[in-house]
Amino acid sequence: MAHDKRESARIDVLGKLAGEVSVLAPVLVRDVSQTGALVESGFPLVLGSGHELRLHLGDDAVVVKARVVRCHIADIGHELVRYVAGLEFVDLPPHVGVALAAYIEQRRRQRESPPDDPASPTSP
């Protein structure tokens, strides 16, 4: 018999013991605000469930806790179903709020500034 290296003994579960596991899966963030985000995924998110969402905000990456407030089928393809879920951020740490605000402001400024016209002359 092999030596058991566990610190505590395990017991067989006789009957039913439910569990859940968190799995990192990519989602497409369609839009984002300081209070939530709309994400698209290949799987449904359960209404009311909590998740951690990693957002890559340019050079910064933050993790936010979010609650699913809505989820519905966005598209049904031949072999693929796409879902869209509305997430509400919960317990947002101040530094994450600052990073989100900076990212949103940067994106807003990029959208409002006119694109550079390579045909127009530049002034010295």
Protein backbone atom coordinates (compact mmCIF):
# COMPACT_ATOMS: atom_id res chain seq x y z
CA MET A 1 0.00 0.00 0.00
CA ALA A 2 1.35 3.47 -0.95
CA HIS A 3 2.06 6.00 1.78
CA ASP A 4 -0.74 8.60 2.00
CA LYS A 5 0.79 12.12 2.12
CA ARG A 6 -2.46 13.94 2.92
CA GLU A 7 -2.61 15.91 6.14
CA SER A 8 -6.23 14.95 6.72
CA ALA A 9 -8.21 11.88 5.80
CA ARG A 10 -10.78 12.02 3.01
CA ILE A 11 -14.10 10.28 3.13
CA ASP A 12 -16.20 8.94 0.30
CA VAL A 13 -19.34 10.94 -0.32
CA LEU A 14 -22.30 8.67 -0.05
CA GLY A 15 -25.13 10.48 -1.75
CA LYS A 16 -24.90 13.85 -3.42
CA LEU A 17 -22.53 16.75 -2.73
CA ALA A 18 -22.81 19.64 -5.18
CA GLY A 19 -19.83 21.78 -6.11
CA GLU A 20 -18.81 24.51 -8.49
CA VAL A 21 -15.57 25.33 -10.23
CA SER A 22 -14.33 28.58 -11.74
CA VAL A 23 -12.79 28.30 -15.17
CA LEU A 24 -10.97 31.06 -17.01
CA ALA A 25 -12.57 31.45 -20.40
CA PRO A 26 -12.17 34.27 -22.90
CA VAL A 27 -15.03 36.72 -23.42
CA LEU A 28 -15.38 39.64 -25.81
CA VAL A 29 -16.06 42.88 -23.96
CA ARG A 30 -18.51 44.82 -26.14
CA ASP A 31 -18.73 47.89 -23.92
CA VAL A 32 -17.62 48.98 -20.49
CA SER A 33 -18.46 51.68 -17.94
CA GLN A 34 -17.38 52.33 -14.37
CA THR A 35 -20.34 50.31 -13.13
CA GLY A 36 -20.45 47.35 -15.50
CA ALA A 37 -19.82 45.74 -18.85
CA LEU A 38 -21.53 43.91 -21.68
CA VAL A 39 -19.70 40.72 -22.65
CA GLU A 40 -20.13 38.12 -25.36
CA SER A 41 -19.26 34.47 -24.82
CA GLY A 42 -19.75 30.99 -26.19
CA PHE A 43 -21.55 29.90 -23.03
CA PRO A 44 -24.42 31.28 -20.95
CA LEU A 45 -23.78 33.04 -17.66
CA VAL A 46 -26.26 32.27 -14.91
CA LEU A 47 -28.43 35.19 -13.86
CA GLY A 48 -27.34 36.47 -10.44
CA SER A 49 -24.07 34.53 -10.45
CA GLY A 50 -20.82 36.18 -9.42
CA HIS A 51 -17.66 36.17 -11.49
CA GLU A 52 -14.22 37.71 -11.59
CA LEU A 53 -13.52 39.48 -14.87
CA ARG A 54 -9.97 40.35 -15.94
CA LEU A 55 -9.92 43.49 -18.07
CA HIS A 56 -6.86 44.41 -20.10
CA LEU A 57 -6.97 48.21 -20.07
CA GLY A 58 -4.12 49.09 -22.40
CA ASP A 59 -0.95 48.55 -20.37
CA ASP A 60 -2.91 47.82 -17.18
CA ALA A 61 -4.82 44.68 -16.28
CA VAL A 62 -7.39 44.71 -13.50
CA VAL A 63 -9.68 42.11 -12.00
CA VAL A 64 -13.21 43.15 -11.10
CA LYS A 65 -15.94 41.24 -9.31
CA ALA A 66 -19.15 41.25 -11.30
CA ARG A 67 -22.70 39.96 -11.00
CA VAL A 68 -24.72 38.79 -14.01
CA VAL A 69 -27.82 40.98 -14.35
CA ARG A 70 -28.97 39.65 -17.73
CA CYS A 71 -27.97 37.04 -20.28
CA HIS A 72 -29.53 36.05 -23.59
CA ILE A 73 -28.71 34.33 -26.87
CA ALA A 74 -27.18 36.79 -29.32
CA ASP A 75 -26.67 34.52 -32.32
CA ILE A 76 -27.24 30.92 -33.32
CA GLY A 77 -24.90 29.58 -35.97
CA HIS A 78 -24.47 26.19 -37.59
CA GLU A 79 -22.36 24.79 -34.74
CA LEU A 80 -22.08 27.76 -32.41
CA VAL A 81 -24.32 29.71 -30.06
CA ARG A 82 -23.19 33.15 -28.85
CA TYR A 83 -24.49 34.69 -25.64
CA VAL A 84 -24.48 38.31 -24.46
CA ALA A 85 -24.42 39.06 -20.74
CA GLY A 86 -24.79 42.29 -18.81
CA LEU A 87 -22.47 42.46 -15.81
CA GLU A 88 -22.69 44.81 -12.85
CA PHE A 89 -19.41 45.48 -11.03
CA VAL A 90 -19.52 44.90 -7.27
CA ASP A 91 -17.11 45.93 -4.51
CA LEU A 92 -14.94 47.89 -6.95
CA PRO A 93 -11.64 48.82 -5.25
CA PRO A 94 -10.70 52.51 -5.63
CA HIS A 95 -7.56 51.78 -7.70
CA VAL A 96 -9.62 49.74 -10.16
CA GLY A 97 -12.17 52.55 -10.43
CA VAL A 98 -9.34 54.98 -11.20
CA ALA A 99 -7.89 52.64 -13.87
CA LEU A 100 -11.33 52.17 -15.47
CA ALA A 101 -12.01 55.91 -15.48
CA ALA A 102 -8.62 56.61 -17.11
CA TYR A 103 -9.21 53.93 -19.75
CA ILE A 104 -12.72 55.18 -20.54
CA GLU A 105 -11.52 58.79 -20.80
CA GLN A 106 -8.66 57.76 -23.08
CA ARG A 107 -11.04 55.85 -25.38
CA ARG A 108 -13.50 58.79 -25.38
CA ARG A 109 -10.73 61.21 -26.40
CA GLN A 110 -9.59 58.85 -29.17
CA ARG A 111 -13.12 58.70 -30.57
CA GLU A 112 -13.63 62.47 -30.43
CA SER A 113 -10.33 63.47 -32.01
CA PRO A 114 -10.33 63.68 -35.80
CA PRO A 115 -8.26 61.02 -37.52
CA ASP A 116 -4.90 62.09 -38.88
CA ASP A 117 -5.17 62.86 -42.58
CA PRO A 118 -1.96 61.69 -44.28
CA ALA A 119 -2.82 63.85 -47.34
CA SER A 120 -2.92 67.11 -45.37
CA PRO A 121 0.30 69.07 -44.95
CA THR A 122 1.76 69.30 -41.46
CA SER A 123 2.78 72.66 -40.08
CA PRO A 124 6.26 73.10 -38.58
